[in-house]
Amino acid sequence: MSGRIAILDDYAGVATDWADWSGLGEVTVFGDTIADRDALVARLEPFEVLCVMRERTPLPGEVLRALPNLRLIVTSGNRNLSIDLETAEARGITVCGTEMRNTTTAEFVMATILTLSRRIVPEAGNMAAGGWQTGFGRDLHGLTLGLVGLGKVGQRVAALARPFGMTLCAWSENLTQEHAAGHGARRCASLEELMSVSDVVSLHLVLSDRTRGLVGASDFSAMKEGAAFINTSRGPIVDCGALLDGLRSGRPHAAAIDVYDTEPLPANAPLRDAELMAQGRLLLTPHLGYASEQTFRLFYTQMAEAVRAWRAGAPIRRLG
């Protein structure tokens, strides 16, 4: 029999239903995430192949060096900054990835903007409780959307927002006016300027040493009255304590957060503010930005195909 395969962090329990793993060896699916290093190593030690979902379970060098049987890592997507590629290469561990769907996160961003702007959650809650309409939302037409980052996802959000009649502005450290104008946006001179002129701010940056903790108290205090803040990028880019303080003082007026410093988000996390959520001013979702049926069918199908190709010595989509 071929070596053992572990599929990690399959929260929805769909990996073996949405792909053909037959003939590849003994497949074990784990539906939870382990943060403790020793417990993680003990779980993964028997496996020759790990199939990982984005950054749900990081694989730093200290973990990889403790897994003598590991020969192949397959990650969803074509980039995974939580895998120590240098250590993997030094230990002869092949690392490869899958394709990505490029529309999923941008669609989710627009869904959260509409949900916050039209007060869908609190009004639906009123209906569920036997009540009726209690307030008013805002049309998107005529509002200004500020994009912090205008890469692939930011560009797609811009393309979706324009038909709603939103005015676009953008900022990132290396953004040029030419690039911004090419996607229908005005370049802001600073993050603070973008925060001050936008009715909705949506974050689209890669987590790095440069962006960690980028958005803080002064940025939130600069926001317009009634403005909303959206983060579907990475949790540590935002100072979570400053966001909560800002929400309680009214800037931002509302926020939709899909990514967190620790995932899954602990049940006792301060961000789970029941009062703000009941008011419809804080929408928390469990990292759904990239999580759609089509995307996960693609991930798991190509993971299985990658394992099959690796076993056959055929070309695979390597990382690094």
Protein backbone atom coordinates (compact mmCIF):
# COMPACT_ATOMS: atom_id res chain seq x y z
CA MET A 1 0.00 0.00 0.00
CA SER A 2 1.17 3.55 -0.71
CA GLY A 3 2.13 5.88 2.15
CA ARG A 4 -0.40 7.50 4.42
CA ILE A 5 -2.10 10.80 3.48
CA ALA A 6 -3.45 13.38 5.94
CA ILE A 7 -5.97 16.01 4.86
CA LEU A 8 -5.89 18.82 7.40
CA ASP A 9 -8.47 21.33 8.56
CA ASP A 10 -11.45 20.06 6.56
CA TYR A 11 -13.94 22.02 8.68
CA ALA A 12 -16.91 21.18 6.45
CA GLY A 13 -16.05 17.48 6.03
CA VAL A 14 -16.17 17.50 2.23
CA ALA A 15 -12.64 16.53 1.10
CA THR A 16 -13.37 12.88 0.34
CA ASP A 17 -16.77 13.66 -1.20
CA TRP A 18 -15.49 16.30 -3.61
CA ALA A 19 -12.42 14.51 -5.00
CA ASP A 20 -11.31 11.02 -6.03
CA TRP A 21 -8.66 9.78 -3.60
CA SER A 22 -8.96 6.13 -4.63
CA GLY A 23 -5.76 4.17 -5.07
CA LEU A 24 -3.60 6.81 -3.40
CA GLY A 25 -3.18 5.09 -0.05
CA GLU A 26 -4.77 5.37 3.37
CA VAL A 27 -6.42 8.79 3.68
CA THR A 28 -7.15 10.34 7.08
CA VAL A 29 -9.20 13.55 7.33
CA PHE A 30 -8.88 15.94 10.26
CA GLY A 31 -11.65 18.48 10.82
CA ASP A 32 -10.00 20.55 13.53
CA THR A 33 -6.92 22.76 13.87
CA ILE A 34 -4.23 22.02 16.45
CA ALA A 35 -2.20 24.97 17.70
CA ASP A 36 0.02 23.11 20.16
CA ARG A 37 3.30 22.17 18.46
CA ASP A 38 3.87 18.86 20.25
CA ALA A 39 0.31 17.70 19.71
CA LEU A 40 0.53 18.67 16.04
CA VAL A 41 3.79 16.76 15.54
CA ALA A 42 2.32 13.70 17.26
CA ARG A 43 -0.68 13.83 14.94
CA LEU A 44 1.31 14.30 11.73
CA GLU A 45 4.32 12.05 12.40
CA PRO A 46 2.94 8.90 10.68
CA PHE A 47 2.10 10.59 7.38
CA GLU A 48 4.03 10.67 4.11
CA VAL A 49 1.74 13.27 2.49
CA LEU A 50 0.03 16.32 4.00
CA CYS A 51 -2.76 18.16 2.17
CA VAL A 52 -3.19 21.55 3.81
CA MET A 53 -5.83 24.25 3.43
CA ARG A 54 -4.21 27.66 2.97
CA GLU A 55 -2.69 28.84 6.29
CA ARG A 56 -5.08 27.02 8.62
CA THR A 57 -2.24 24.87 9.98
CA PRO A 58 1.19 26.52 9.70
CA LEU A 59 4.15 24.25 8.93
CA PRO A 60 7.23 26.06 10.26
CA GLY A 61 10.71 24.55 10.17
CA GLU A 62 10.52 23.19 13.72
CA VAL A 63 7.46 21.12 12.78
CA LEU A 64 8.87 19.90 9.45
CA ARG A 65 12.12 18.81 11.09
CA ALA A 66 10.11 16.65 13.50
CA LEU A 67 8.31 14.72 10.72
CA PRO A 68 10.72 12.05 9.42
CA ASN A 69 8.14 10.32 7.21
CA LEU A 70 6.97 13.43 5.36
CA ARG A 71 7.73 13.51 1.64
CA LEU A 72 5.04 15.70 0.05
CA ILE A 73 3.00 18.76 1.05
CA VAL A 74 0.11 19.85 -1.17
CA THR A 75 -1.43 23.22 -0.33
CA SER A 76 -4.55 24.81 -1.69
CA GLY A 77 -3.62 27.80 -3.83
CA ASN A 78 -0.32 28.70 -5.41
CA ARG A 79 1.15 30.45 -2.36
CA ASN A 80 1.30 29.54 1.32
CA LEU A 81 3.49 31.77 3.46
CA SER A 82 2.97 29.56 6.51
CA ILE A 83 5.07 26.71 5.03
CA ASP A 84 8.84 26.93 5.57
CA LEU A 85 9.88 26.19 2.00
CA GLU A 86 13.60 26.43 2.75
CA THR A 87 13.41 23.74 5.43
CA ALA A 88 11.17 21.59 3.22
CA GLU A 89 13.70 21.75 0.40
CA ALA A 90 16.59 20.95 2.73
CA ARG A 91 14.76 17.86 3.97
CA GLY A 92 13.79 16.70 0.48
CA ILE A 93 10.10 17.42 0.98
CA THR A 94 8.29 18.37 -2.22
CA VAL A 95 5.81 21.25 -1.86
CA CYS A 96 3.19 21.93 -4.52
CA GLY A 97 -0.08 23.80 -4.85
CA THR A 98 -3.35 24.07 -6.72
CA GLU A 99 -4.98 26.71 -8.85
CA MET A 100 -7.14 29.44 -7.30
CA ARG A 101 -10.47 30.90 -8.35
CA ASN A 102 -10.04 34.66 -8.61
CA THR A 103 -13.65 35.79 -8.15
CA THR A 104 -14.63 34.30 -4.81
CA THR A 105 -13.23 36.79 -2.30
CA ALA A 106 -14.27 39.86 -4.30
CA GLU A 107 -17.86 38.63 -4.48
CA PHE A 108 -17.82 38.01 -0.73
CA VAL A 109 -16.55 41.55 -0.10
CA MET A 110 -19.47 43.01 -2.03
CA ALA A 111 -21.85 40.75 -0.10
CA THR A 112 -20.53 42.04 3.22
CA ILE A 113 -20.67 45.66 2.07
CA LEU A 114 -24.31 45.22 1.07
CA THR A 115 -25.11 43.35 4.28
CA LEU A 116 -23.73 46.13 6.46
CA SER A 117 -25.05 48.99 4.35
CA ARG A 118 -28.62 47.68 4.17
CA ARG A 119 -28.74 46.47 7.81
CA ILE A 120 -29.70 42.98 6.69
CA VAL A 121 -28.58 41.12 9.84
CA PRO A 122 -30.39 43.20 12.50
CA GLU A 123 -33.55 43.54 10.41
CA ALA A 124 -33.61 39.79 9.72
CA GLY A 125 -33.15 39.31 13.47
CA ASN A 126 -36.13 41.54 14.12
CA MET A 127 -38.23 39.41 11.78
CA ALA A 128 -37.05 36.19 13.45
CA ALA A 129 -38.12 37.65 16.81
CA GLY A 130 -41.60 38.49 15.49
CA GLY A 131 -40.93 42.16 14.86
CA TRP A 132 -40.71 44.42 11.84
CA GLN A 133 -38.52 47.15 10.37
CA THR A 134 -36.69 49.33 12.88
CA GLY A 135 -34.18 51.35 10.86
CA PHE A 136 -32.78 52.36 7.50
CA GLY A 137 -29.74 51.31 5.54
CA ARG A 138 -27.84 53.18 2.82
CA ASP A 139 -27.68 52.77 -0.94
CA LEU A 140 -24.21 52.13 -2.32
CA HIS A 141 -24.76 54.49 -5.25
CA GLY A 142 -22.85 57.70 -4.59
CA LEU A 143 -20.78 56.32 -1.71
CA THR A 144 -16.98 56.24 -1.82
CA LEU A 145 -15.22 52.89 -1.55
CA GLY A 146 -11.62 53.06 -0.33
CA LEU A 147 -9.44 50.10 -1.30
CA VAL A 148 -6.35 49.53 0.83
CA GLY A 149 -4.41 47.57 -1.75
CA LEU A 150 -5.19 47.34 -5.45
CA GLY A 151 -3.79 43.95 -6.38
CA LYS A 152 -5.75 41.07 -7.92
CA VAL A 153 -8.53 40.99 -5.33
CA GLY A 154 -8.70 44.77 -4.93
CA GLN A 155 -9.01 45.17 -8.69
CA ARG A 156 -11.91 42.72 -8.82
CA VAL A 157 -13.68 44.49 -5.97
CA ALA A 158 -13.26 47.76 -7.87
CA ALA A 159 -14.78 46.19 -10.98
CA LEU A 160 -17.78 44.93 -9.00
CA ALA A 161 -18.30 48.21 -7.12
CA ARG A 162 -18.39 50.46 -10.18
CA PRO A 163 -21.75 49.15 -11.49
CA PHE A 164 -23.26 50.00 -8.08
CA GLY A 165 -22.31 53.62 -8.70
CA MET A 166 -19.59 53.79 -6.08
CA THR A 167 -16.72 56.26 -6.37
CA LEU A 168 -13.34 54.58 -5.93
CA CYS A 169 -10.14 55.62 -4.20
CA ALA A 170 -7.15 53.50 -3.28
CA TRP A 171 -3.91 53.48 -1.33
CA SER A 172 -0.95 51.23 -0.72
CA GLU A 173 2.68 52.02 -0.14
CA ASN A 174 3.76 51.43 -3.74
CA LEU A 175 0.55 52.32 -5.56
CA THR A 176 0.95 54.76 -8.46
CA GLN A 177 -1.68 57.15 -9.78
CA GLU A 178 -1.42 55.46 -13.17
CA HIS A 179 -2.24 52.03 -11.73
CA ALA A 180 -5.10 53.42 -9.65
CA ALA A 181 -6.55 55.35 -12.59
CA GLY A 182 -6.34 52.22 -14.72
CA HIS A 183 -8.90 50.64 -12.40
CA GLY A 184 -11.12 53.69 -12.07
CA ALA A 185 -9.76 54.86 -8.73
CA ARG A 186 -8.12 58.00 -7.37
CA ARG A 187 -4.86 57.42 -5.54
CA CYS A 188 -4.83 58.75 -1.98
CA ALA A 189 -1.59 60.19 -0.62
CA SER A 190 -1.82 58.25 2.65
CA LEU A 191 -3.83 55.65 4.49
CA GLU A 192 -5.21 58.36 6.76
CA GLU A 193 -6.48 60.31 3.76
CA LEU A 194 -8.20 57.22 2.37
CA MET A 195 -9.85 56.53 5.73
CA SER A 196 -11.05 60.12 5.99
CA VAL A 197 -12.75 60.29 2.57
CA SER A 198 -14.25 56.78 2.30
CA ASP A 199 -17.73 55.64 3.24
CA VAL A 200 -16.55 52.02 3.06
CA VAL A 201 -12.95 50.86 3.50
CA SER A 202 -11.95 47.38 2.28
CA LEU A 203 -8.55 45.88 3.06
CA HIS A 204 -6.64 43.92 0.38
CA LEU A 205 -3.01 43.50 1.42
CA VAL A 206 -0.68 40.56 1.95
CA LEU A 207 0.45 40.05 5.55
CA SER A 208 4.14 40.89 5.94
CA ASP A 209 6.43 42.61 8.42
CA ARG A 210 5.55 45.86 6.66
CA THR A 211 1.78 45.44 6.90
CA ARG A 212 1.46 43.79 10.32
CA GLY A 213 -0.46 46.18 12.61
CA LEU A 214 -0.77 48.68 9.75
CA VAL A 215 -4.32 49.82 10.55
CA GLY A 216 -4.60 51.28 14.05
CA ALA A 217 -6.34 53.76 16.31
CA SER A 218 -5.38 56.93 14.42
CA ASP A 219 -6.69 55.46 11.18
CA PHE A 220 -10.05 54.53 12.67
CA SER A 221 -10.42 57.92 14.35
CA ALA A 222 -9.96 59.55 10.93
CA MET A 223 -12.97 57.75 9.43
CA LYS A 224 -16.13 59.52 8.34
CA GLU A 225 -19.30 59.37 10.41
CA GLY A 226 -21.30 56.33 9.33
CA ALA A 227 -18.35 54.66 7.57
CA ALA A 228 -17.80 50.89 7.47
CA PHE A 229 -14.58 48.86 7.60
CA ILE A 230 -14.12 45.46 5.88
CA ASN A 231 -11.22 43.04 6.42
CA THR A 232 -11.05 39.88 4.30
CA SER A 233 -7.24 39.88 4.00
CA ARG A 234 -5.43 38.81 7.19
CA GLY A 235 -6.30 39.54 10.81
CA PRO A 236 -2.89 40.78 12.06
CA ILE A 237 -2.88 43.66 9.57
CA VAL A 238 -5.41 45.36 11.87
CA ASP A 239 -5.03 46.29 15.54
CA CYS A 240 -8.05 44.39 16.85
CA GLY A 241 -8.20 46.31 20.14
CA ALA A 242 -8.18 49.62 18.29
CA LEU A 243 -10.96 48.37 16.01
CA LEU A 244 -13.15 47.48 18.99
CA ASP A 245 -12.44 50.82 20.68
CA GLY A 246 -13.26 52.57 17.41
CA LEU A 247 -16.56 50.74 17.00
CA ARG A 248 -17.58 51.62 20.55
CA SER A 249 -16.85 55.29 19.90
CA GLY A 250 -18.53 55.27 16.47
CA ARG A 251 -15.55 55.22 14.09
CA PRO A 252 -15.97 53.02 12.24
CA HIS A 253 -19.72 52.92 12.55
CA ALA A 254 -19.74 49.29 11.39
CA ALA A 255 -17.25 46.56 10.53
CA ALA A 256 -17.27 43.19 8.80
CA ILE A 257 -14.37 40.94 9.80
CA ASP A 258 -13.64 37.59 8.12
CA VAL A 259 -10.03 37.00 9.25
CA TYR A 260 -8.43 36.88 12.69
CA ASP A 261 -5.12 36.82 14.53
CA THR A 262 -5.98 33.30 15.72
CA GLU A 263 -8.14 30.98 13.64
CA PRO A 264 -10.53 29.45 14.48
CA LEU A 265 -11.47 32.48 16.57
CA PRO A 266 -11.63 31.43 20.27
CA ALA A 267 -15.09 31.44 21.82
CA ASN A 268 -13.95 33.94 24.48
CA ALA A 269 -12.22 36.33 22.07
CA PRO A 270 -12.94 40.00 22.89
CA LEU A 271 -13.92 40.56 19.27
CA ARG A 272 -17.04 38.46 19.82
CA ASP A 273 -18.85 41.52 21.19
CA ALA A 274 -22.48 40.43 21.54
CA GLU A 275 -23.85 43.96 21.83
CA LEU A 276 -22.13 45.24 18.67
CA MET A 277 -23.23 42.15 16.75
CA ALA A 278 -26.83 42.49 17.95
CA GLN A 279 -26.83 46.10 16.78
CA GLY A 280 -25.74 44.97 13.32
CA ARG A 281 -22.59 47.07 13.63
CA LEU A 282 -20.20 44.11 13.77
CA LEU A 283 -20.44 41.21 11.34
CA LEU A 284 -18.10 38.31 12.08
CA THR A 285 -17.72 35.47 9.58
CA PRO A 286 -15.44 32.37 9.79
CA HIS A 287 -12.93 33.13 6.99
CA LEU A 288 -15.47 32.63 4.22
CA GLY A 289 -13.83 34.95 1.70
CA TYR A 290 -12.31 32.15 -0.37
CA ALA A 291 -14.62 29.39 0.85
CA SER A 292 -17.14 28.54 -1.84
CA GLU A 293 -18.24 25.15 -3.17
CA GLN A 294 -16.59 25.72 -6.56
CA THR A 295 -13.32 26.80 -4.97
CA PHE A 296 -13.10 23.86 -2.58
CA ARG A 297 -14.05 21.34 -5.25
CA LEU A 298 -11.14 22.74 -7.28
CA PHE A 299 -8.78 22.58 -4.29
CA TYR A 300 -9.51 19.00 -3.30
CA THR A 301 -9.66 17.69 -6.86
CA GLN A 302 -6.29 19.17 -7.69
CA MET A 303 -4.80 18.04 -4.37
CA ALA A 304 -5.70 14.44 -5.19
CA GLU A 305 -4.41 14.89 -8.74
CA ALA A 306 -1.12 16.27 -7.38
CA VAL A 307 -0.62 13.27 -5.10
CA ARG A 308 -1.39 10.92 -7.99
CA ALA A 309 1.06 12.74 -10.29
CA TRP A 310 3.78 12.80 -7.61
CA ARG A 311 3.46 9.08 -7.02
CA ALA A 312 3.73 8.52 -10.79
CA GLY A 313 6.74 10.82 -11.14
CA ALA A 314 4.78 13.18 -13.41
CA PRO A 315 5.15 17.01 -13.39
CA ILE A 316 3.40 18.86 -10.54
CA ARG A 317 2.75 22.51 -9.69
CA ARG A 318 5.65 23.18 -7.31
CA LEU A 319 5.88 26.08 -4.85
CA GLY A 320 9.09 27.99 -4.31
